[in-house]
């Protein structure tokens, strides 16, 4: 026991001094902390730095539109529609617009000042008999169009290859026709997780190269009245897209179609556009002007005839040559066709089959056998 108070340490003596400025210490300490945080935020942020990025130091950049309100560089756009309404023709018309200044898409007021290169990845249509004639009909500059098929690209399981294509040919637009045919075979297109992982890689490739990506998708045979939920596959498909479009028959005039917007994360929804498909040997699109029909109206009257649409799909798929039946049935399932519907379409079209042995893909289907 001490006779008097216990000895005080130097700090205790310091804090017991009457002249000490406690408020000044609090202010100085607070100002020092703020200054340290500010100095740390000024440090350059590397791509491998896991720390959050201060919003004040993010460099703003405007959205670069290829088609205002519908197609932006470095982002994903989804185009939905039933077979037969001209989704592929619309994508080729957009490509033609970017490669030549001879025409204007609806909503574009000025002619483009420079030609753009485009990459068209088609898993269904033949290059020689379908795509090139359609590009010529759309008055595209063919030297700026680069065609990719399953032989050239393995799909979304190899987005690095797509990134190399974009940089090599300096492409401003990539068309995936149809999207689900380019998904990895092991991916479940009804799973949000699988879809998100695949499209996240595609979105990163688009953002890093500055190319716009237009993805084509078929509608379900039936379902919700909301156009956001009518496309095949998981809701994650339209969730990853920054803009979404819908092509369907005009309920007021079945001889023409309407292109409407169903979603935009960047701006207001642009007005719907009426169009018609014309031509015999090589079809193309003629724009007819604004339309009062919205996506909700179009989806209500959208009808689907399974056998007829299955025949259209099967004939387009076999135009390029024979296909193993296992692969064909798997692709048909991805597009929403049942096994029985595909076999009825096979009988309707007179598709022939041949057994080549297990070492040569087993049974194959084809329209013609040599």
Protein backbone atom coordinates (compact mmCIF):
# COMPACT_ATOMS: atom_id res chain seq x y z
CA UNK A 1 0.00 0.00 0.00
CA UNK A 2 1.26 3.46 -0.84
CA UNK A 3 0.89 6.21 1.70
CA UNK A 4 -0.02 8.53 -1.07
CA UNK A 5 -1.47 8.03 -4.56
CA UNK A 6 0.37 5.52 -6.76
CA UNK A 7 3.12 6.92 -8.98
CA UNK A 8 1.88 8.29 -12.26
CA UNK A 9 3.33 7.35 -15.61
CA UNK A 10 4.49 9.99 -18.04
CA UNK A 11 1.30 9.57 -20.14
CA UNK A 12 -0.92 9.90 -17.10
CA UNK A 13 0.87 13.07 -16.03
CA UNK A 14 0.51 14.41 -19.55
CA UNK A 15 -3.21 13.75 -19.68
CA UNK A 16 -3.78 15.22 -16.22
CA UNK A 17 -2.29 18.57 -17.19
CA UNK A 18 -4.95 21.22 -17.19
CA UNK A 19 -3.50 23.02 -20.17
CA UNK A 20 -3.81 19.96 -22.50
CA UNK A 21 -6.07 20.59 -25.49
CA UNK A 22 -8.29 17.47 -25.68
CA UNK A 23 -10.47 18.94 -28.43
CA UNK A 24 -7.41 19.84 -30.45
CA UNK A 25 -6.10 16.28 -30.18
CA UNK A 26 -9.46 14.91 -31.41
CA UNK A 27 -9.51 17.31 -34.37
CA UNK A 28 -5.92 16.70 -35.33
CA UNK A 29 -6.33 12.96 -35.11
CA UNK A 30 -9.48 13.10 -37.27
CA UNK A 31 -7.77 15.32 -39.86
CA UNK A 32 -4.76 13.01 -39.98
CA UNK A 33 -7.00 9.99 -40.57
CA UNK A 34 -8.83 11.77 -43.39
CA UNK A 35 -5.52 12.78 -44.97
CA UNK A 36 -4.19 9.22 -44.76
CA UNK A 37 -7.34 7.88 -46.45
CA UNK A 38 -7.10 10.53 -49.18
CA UNK A 39 -3.43 9.74 -49.79
CA UNK A 40 -4.18 6.03 -50.02
CA UNK A 41 -6.98 6.62 -52.54
CA UNK A 42 -4.57 8.54 -54.77
CA UNK A 43 -2.41 5.46 -55.17
CA UNK A 44 -2.73 3.85 -58.63
CA UNK A 45 -5.07 0.87 -58.73
CA UNK A 46 -3.79 -2.16 -60.61
CA UNK A 47 -5.92 -4.80 -62.30
CA UNK A 48 -4.88 -7.30 -59.62
CA UNK A 49 -5.66 -5.00 -56.70
CA UNK A 50 -8.61 -6.48 -54.79
CA UNK A 51 -9.38 -3.24 -52.97
CA UNK A 52 -12.50 -1.27 -53.98
CA UNK A 53 -12.00 1.58 -56.42
CA UNK A 54 -12.94 5.04 -55.24
CA UNK A 55 -15.75 6.39 -57.45
CA UNK A 56 -14.18 9.84 -57.42
CA UNK A 57 -11.18 8.52 -59.35
CA UNK A 58 -13.10 6.54 -61.99
CA UNK A 59 -12.71 8.14 -65.39
CA UNK A 60 -16.11 8.69 -66.99
CA UNK A 61 -16.71 7.75 -70.62
CA UNK A 62 -19.83 8.22 -72.73
CA UNK A 63 -21.76 5.32 -74.24
CA UNK A 64 -20.80 4.84 -77.90
CA UNK A 65 -23.92 3.84 -79.81
CA UNK A 66 -23.86 1.87 -83.04
CA UNK A 67 -27.66 2.05 -83.16
CA UNK A 68 -28.98 4.60 -80.63
CA UNK A 69 -31.00 3.01 -77.86
CA UNK A 70 -30.54 -0.51 -79.21
CA UNK A 71 -26.87 -1.41 -79.78
CA UNK A 72 -23.87 -0.04 -77.87
CA UNK A 73 -20.18 -0.79 -78.21
CA UNK A 74 -18.66 -2.96 -75.53
CA UNK A 75 -22.03 -4.31 -74.37
CA UNK A 76 -24.46 -7.18 -74.98
CA UNK A 77 -27.80 -6.82 -76.81
CA UNK A 78 -30.36 -9.64 -77.01
CA UNK A 79 -32.77 -10.04 -79.94
CA UNK A 80 -35.73 -12.38 -79.27
CA UNK A 81 -38.32 -13.66 -81.72
CA UNK A 82 -40.09 -16.67 -83.18
CA UNK A 83 -38.61 -18.42 -86.22
CA UNK A 84 -39.69 -16.82 -89.47
CA UNK A 85 -39.90 -13.17 -88.35
CA UNK A 86 -36.50 -12.20 -89.77
CA UNK A 87 -34.18 -12.09 -86.75
CA UNK A 88 -31.19 -13.16 -88.82
CA UNK A 89 -32.14 -10.70 -91.55
CA UNK A 90 -32.28 -7.87 -89.01
CA UNK A 91 -28.79 -8.75 -87.76
CA UNK A 92 -27.43 -8.79 -91.33
CA UNK A 93 -29.17 -5.47 -92.04
CA UNK A 94 -27.43 -3.94 -89.02
CA UNK A 95 -24.13 -5.39 -90.24
CA UNK A 96 -24.71 -3.94 -93.70
CA UNK A 97 -25.44 -0.51 -92.19
CA UNK A 98 -22.14 -0.55 -90.32
CA UNK A 99 -20.08 -1.61 -93.33
CA UNK A 100 -21.48 0.89 -95.85
CA UNK A 101 -23.02 4.37 -95.59
CA UNK A 102 -25.64 3.69 -98.29
CA UNK A 103 -28.64 3.40 -95.94
CA UNK A 104 -29.84 4.41 -92.51
CA UNK A 105 -31.37 2.34 -89.75
CA UNK A 106 -34.38 3.84 -87.96
CA UNK A 107 -33.27 6.41 -85.40
CA UNK A 108 -29.93 7.21 -87.09
CA UNK A 109 -29.94 10.77 -88.39
CA UNK A 110 -26.48 11.00 -89.95
CA UNK A 111 -24.53 8.81 -92.30
CA UNK A 112 -21.63 6.94 -90.64
CA UNK A 113 -18.27 8.55 -91.28
CA UNK A 114 -16.28 5.32 -91.38
CA UNK A 115 -16.79 1.69 -92.29
CA UNK A 116 -16.91 -0.85 -89.49
CA UNK A 117 -15.84 -4.47 -89.64
CA UNK A 118 -18.32 -7.08 -88.39
CA UNK A 119 -18.06 -10.74 -87.37
CA UNK A 120 -21.08 -12.95 -88.06
CA UNK A 121 -21.01 -16.21 -86.12
CA UNK A 122 -23.73 -18.43 -87.58
CA UNK A 123 -24.29 -21.98 -86.38
CA UNK A 124 -27.26 -22.69 -88.68
CA UNK A 125 -27.03 -20.95 -92.05
CA UNK A 126 -24.67 -21.90 -94.86
CA UNK A 127 -22.16 -19.22 -95.83
CA UNK A 128 -22.38 -19.67 -99.60
CA UNK A 129 -26.09 -20.24 -100.16
CA UNK A 130 -27.65 -18.15 -97.40
CA UNK A 131 -25.47 -15.58 -95.64
CA UNK A 132 -23.51 -14.11 -98.54
CA UNK A 133 -26.58 -13.67 -100.80
CA UNK A 134 -28.39 -11.97 -97.94
CA UNK A 135 -25.45 -9.62 -97.32
CA UNK A 136 -25.41 -8.73 -100.99
CA UNK A 137 -29.17 -8.07 -100.90
CA UNK A 138 -28.63 -5.80 -97.89
CA UNK A 139 -25.90 -3.96 -99.86
CA UNK A 140 -23.19 -4.75 -97.33
CA UNK A 141 -19.52 -4.15 -98.08
CA UNK A 142 -18.37 -7.77 -98.17
CA UNK A 143 -14.72 -6.93 -97.51
CA UNK A 144 -15.77 -5.79 -94.02
CA UNK A 145 -17.78 -8.92 -93.17
CA UNK A 146 -16.07 -11.93 -91.60
CA UNK A 147 -18.01 -15.19 -91.22
CA UNK A 148 -17.44 -17.67 -88.42
CA UNK A 149 -18.90 -21.17 -88.08
CA UNK A 150 -18.42 -24.13 -85.73
CA UNK A 151 -15.25 -25.07 -87.63
CA UNK A 152 -13.64 -21.71 -86.89
CA UNK A 153 -14.81 -21.19 -83.31
CA UNK A 154 -15.69 -23.52 -80.44
CA UNK A 155 -18.27 -21.13 -79.00
CA UNK A 156 -18.44 -19.46 -75.59
CA UNK A 157 -16.20 -22.07 -74.02
CA UNK A 158 -13.36 -20.26 -75.84
CA UNK A 159 -13.99 -16.54 -75.46
CA UNK A 160 -10.25 -15.90 -75.76
CA UNK A 161 -10.43 -17.01 -79.39
CA UNK A 162 -13.34 -14.62 -79.99
CA UNK A 163 -11.35 -11.82 -78.41
CA UNK A 164 -8.47 -12.55 -80.79
CA UNK A 165 -10.87 -12.50 -83.76
CA UNK A 166 -12.23 -9.11 -82.72
CA UNK A 167 -8.80 -7.57 -82.31
CA UNK A 168 -7.35 -9.14 -85.45
CA UNK A 169 -10.15 -7.86 -87.69
CA UNK A 170 -10.92 -4.74 -85.62
CA UNK A 171 -14.58 -5.68 -85.47
CA UNK A 172 -17.15 -3.25 -84.07
CA UNK A 173 -19.97 -5.80 -84.05
CA UNK A 174 -20.25 -9.53 -83.32
CA UNK A 175 -23.46 -11.41 -84.18
CA UNK A 176 -24.19 -14.74 -82.45
CA UNK A 177 -26.90 -16.54 -84.43
CA UNK A 178 -28.39 -18.18 -82.46
CA UNK A 179 -26.94 -17.66 -79.00
CA UNK A 180 -27.87 -21.05 -77.52
CA UNK A 181 -26.01 -22.89 -80.28
CA UNK A 182 -22.79 -21.20 -79.15
CA UNK A 183 -23.24 -22.02 -75.45
CA UNK A 184 -20.91 -24.69 -74.02
CA UNK A 185 -22.42 -28.16 -74.42
CA UNK A 186 -21.96 -28.91 -70.74
CA UNK A 187 -23.80 -25.72 -69.72
CA UNK A 188 -27.42 -25.97 -68.66
CA UNK A 189 -29.14 -23.05 -70.39
CA UNK A 190 -31.97 -23.19 -67.84
CA UNK A 191 -29.52 -22.68 -64.97
CA UNK A 192 -28.91 -19.09 -63.92
CA UNK A 193 -25.43 -19.97 -62.67
CA UNK A 194 -24.31 -21.67 -65.90
CA UNK A 195 -25.74 -18.90 -68.07
CA UNK A 196 -24.23 -16.15 -65.95
CA UNK A 197 -20.76 -17.71 -66.00
CA UNK A 198 -20.81 -18.12 -69.80
CA UNK A 199 -22.19 -14.66 -70.57
CA UNK A 200 -19.92 -12.98 -68.02
CA UNK A 201 -16.92 -14.11 -70.07
CA UNK A 202 -18.63 -12.84 -73.22
CA UNK A 203 -19.40 -9.50 -71.58
CA UNK A 204 -15.78 -9.17 -70.46
CA UNK A 205 -14.59 -9.86 -74.01
CA UNK A 206 -16.96 -7.22 -75.36
CA UNK A 207 -15.89 -4.64 -72.78
CA UNK A 208 -12.16 -5.25 -73.28
CA UNK A 209 -12.36 -5.02 -77.10
CA UNK A 210 -15.08 -2.38 -77.43
CA UNK A 211 -17.18 -4.55 -79.76
CA UNK A 212 -20.96 -4.68 -79.56
CA UNK A 213 -22.40 -8.19 -79.32
CA UNK A 214 -25.84 -8.95 -80.79
CA UNK A 215 -27.25 -12.28 -79.55
CA UNK A 216 -30.24 -13.93 -81.27
CA UNK A 217 -32.64 -16.14 -79.33
CA UNK A 218 -35.90 -17.99 -80.01
CA UNK A 219 -39.04 -17.60 -77.91
CA UNK A 220 -40.67 -20.30 -75.83
CA UNK A 221 -43.64 -22.11 -77.37
CA UNK A 222 -45.87 -20.63 -74.66
CA UNK A 223 -45.53 -18.99 -71.30
CA UNK A 224 -45.60 -15.66 -69.53
CA UNK A 225 -47.23 -12.60 -70.99
CA UNK A 226 -44.25 -10.50 -69.91
CA UNK A 227 -41.80 -10.33 -72.86
CA UNK A 228 -38.86 -10.43 -70.45
CA UNK A 229 -39.73 -14.05 -69.56
CA UNK A 230 -40.69 -15.43 -72.97
CA UNK A 231 -37.21 -16.22 -74.31
CA UNK A 232 -35.67 -19.69 -74.16
CA UNK A 233 -33.32 -20.44 -71.30
CA UNK A 234 -32.69 -18.82 -67.95
CA UNK A 235 -33.71 -15.28 -67.01
CA UNK A 236 -29.96 -14.71 -66.65
CA UNK A 237 -29.70 -14.41 -70.45
CA UNK A 238 -31.72 -11.22 -70.60
CA UNK A 239 -30.33 -10.18 -67.22
CA UNK A 240 -26.78 -10.00 -68.60
CA UNK A 241 -27.86 -8.09 -71.71
CA UNK A 242 -27.86 -4.31 -71.39
CA UNK A 243 -30.48 -3.94 -74.13
CA UNK A 244 -33.13 -6.40 -75.32
CA UNK A 245 -35.26 -6.36 -78.48
CA UNK A 246 -38.29 -8.33 -79.65
CA UNK A 247 -39.24 -9.12 -83.25
CA UNK A 248 -42.79 -10.35 -83.89
CA UNK A 249 -45.72 -10.19 -86.28
CA UNK A 250 -47.73 -6.96 -86.27
CA UNK A 251 -51.16 -7.77 -84.75
CA UNK A 252 -52.74 -5.01 -86.84
CA UNK A 253 -51.14 -6.18 -90.10
CA UNK A 254 -49.86 -9.79 -90.19
CA UNK A 255 -48.11 -9.09 -93.51
CA UNK A 256 -45.50 -7.03 -91.69
CA UNK A 257 -43.48 -7.32 -88.50
CA UNK A 258 -42.45 -5.02 -85.65
CA UNK A 259 -39.15 -4.59 -83.83
CA UNK A 260 -39.76 -3.39 -80.27
CA UNK A 261 -37.53 -2.81 -77.25
CA UNK A 262 -38.16 -4.78 -74.08
CA UNK A 263 -35.28 -3.60 -71.91
CA UNK A 264 -32.59 -0.93 -71.70
CA UNK A 265 -30.22 -0.32 -68.80
CA UNK A 266 -28.68 2.73 -70.46
CA UNK A 267 -31.44 4.95 -71.78
CA UNK A 268 -35.17 5.18 -72.47
CA UNK A 269 -36.83 2.54 -74.64
CA UNK A 270 -36.76 3.67 -78.29
CA UNK A 271 -39.92 3.66 -80.40
CA UNK A 272 -40.95 0.44 -82.14
CA UNK A 273 -40.18 0.07 -85.86
CA UNK A 274 -42.31 -1.70 -88.47
CA UNK A 275 -40.59 -3.73 -91.18
CA UNK A 276 -41.29 -6.32 -93.81
CA UNK A 277 -39.28 -9.19 -95.23
CA UNK A 278 -39.07 -9.21 -99.01
CA UNK A 279 -37.14 -11.01 -101.71
CA UNK A 280 -37.21 -14.52 -103.06
CA UNK A 281 -33.77 -15.99 -103.62
CA UNK A 282 -32.09 -13.68 -101.07
CA UNK A 283 -34.38 -11.98 -98.58
CA UNK A 284 -33.69 -8.70 -96.80
CA UNK A 285 -35.44 -6.12 -94.60
CA UNK A 286 -37.36 -2.99 -95.58
CA UNK A 287 -38.05 -0.54 -92.75
CA UNK A 288 -41.56 0.93 -92.88
CA UNK A 289 -41.36 3.57 -90.15
CA UNK A 290 -42.52 3.89 -86.52
CA UNK A 291 -45.11 1.51 -85.09
CA UNK A 292 -47.48 2.05 -82.13
CA UNK A 293 -47.15 -1.60 -81.10
CA UNK A 294 -45.23 -2.24 -77.90
CA UNK A 295 -43.51 -5.44 -76.81
CA UNK A 296 -46.42 -6.39 -74.52
CA UNK A 297 -48.88 -6.24 -77.42
CA UNK A 298 -46.60 -8.25 -79.67
CA UNK A 299 -46.04 -11.03 -77.16
CA UNK A 300 -49.79 -11.48 -76.62
CA UNK A 301 -50.41 -12.32 -80.26
CA UNK A 302 -47.17 -14.24 -80.81
CA UNK A 303 -48.18 -17.76 -81.83
CA UNK A 304 -46.05 -20.82 -82.21
CA UNK A 305 -46.78 -23.82 -84.43
CA UNK A 306 -44.40 -26.59 -83.22
CA UNK A 307 -44.39 -28.82 -86.30
CA UNK A 308 -44.16 -26.00 -88.83
CA UNK A 309 -41.38 -24.23 -86.95
CA UNK A 310 -39.58 -27.52 -86.34
CA UNK A 311 -39.62 -28.18 -90.10
CA UNK A 312 -38.13 -24.74 -90.76
CA UNK A 313 -35.42 -25.26 -88.16
CA UNK A 314 -34.57 -28.81 -89.28
CA UNK A 315 -34.33 -27.86 -92.95
CA UNK A 316 -32.04 -24.91 -92.20
CA UNK A 317 -29.89 -27.12 -89.96
CA UNK A 318 -29.47 -29.82 -92.63
CA UNK A 319 -28.87 -27.47 -95.57
CA UNK A 320 -25.15 -27.49 -94.83
CA UNK A 321 -24.91 -31.29 -94.88
CA UNK A 322 -25.46 -34.38 -92.79
CA UNK A 323 -25.52 -34.11 -88.98
CA UNK A 324 -25.19 -36.88 -86.37
CA UNK A 325 -28.64 -37.64 -84.97
CA UNK A 326 -27.45 -37.43 -81.36
CA UNK A 327 -26.08 -33.96 -81.88
CA UNK A 328 -29.16 -32.89 -83.82
CA UNK A 329 -31.62 -34.03 -81.14
CA UNK A 330 -29.58 -32.32 -78.45
CA UNK A 331 -29.58 -29.03 -80.39
CA UNK A 332 -33.33 -29.37 -81.05
CA UNK A 333 -33.95 -29.75 -77.32
CA UNK A 334 -32.01 -26.54 -76.68
CA UNK A 335 -34.38 -24.74 -79.06
CA UNK A 336 -37.46 -26.09 -77.29
CA UNK A 337 -38.43 -28.85 -79.75
CA UNK A 338 -39.48 -32.18 -78.31
CA UNK A 339 -38.07 -35.45 -79.64
CA UNK A 340 -41.45 -36.48 -81.08
CA UNK A 341 -41.87 -33.12 -82.87
CA UNK A 342 -38.45 -33.44 -84.49
CA UNK A 343 -39.23 -36.96 -85.72
CA UNK A 344 -42.53 -35.73 -87.17
CA UNK A 345 -40.64 -32.91 -88.90
CA UNK A 346 -38.16 -35.49 -90.20
CA UNK A 347 -40.99 -37.48 -91.74
CA UNK A 348 -42.66 -34.36 -93.17
CA UNK A 349 -39.48 -33.16 -94.88
CA UNK A 350 -38.46 -36.61 -96.06
CA UNK A 351 -35.17 -36.46 -94.18
CA UNK A 352 -33.12 -39.60 -94.68
CA UNK A 353 -30.90 -41.32 -92.13
CA UNK A 354 -27.90 -43.59 -92.50
CA UNK A 355 -25.90 -45.64 -90.03
CA UNK A 356 -22.16 -45.07 -90.40
CA UNK A 357 -21.02 -47.08 -87.40
CA UNK A 358 -20.15 -45.99 -83.88
CA UNK A 359 -16.66 -44.94 -84.98
CA UNK A 360 -18.23 -42.44 -87.40
CA UNK A 361 -20.83 -40.71 -85.22
CA UNK A 362 -23.39 -43.50 -85.48
CA UNK A 363 -26.59 -42.53 -87.32
CA UNK A 364 -26.60 -39.30 -89.33
CA UNK A 365 -29.51 -37.34 -90.82
CA UNK A 366 -29.44 -35.54 -94.13
CA UNK A 367 -31.60 -34.15 -96.90
CA UNK A 368 -29.47 -35.71 -99.61
CA UNK A 369 -26.94 -38.54 -99.62
CA UNK A 370 -24.39 -38.94 -102.36
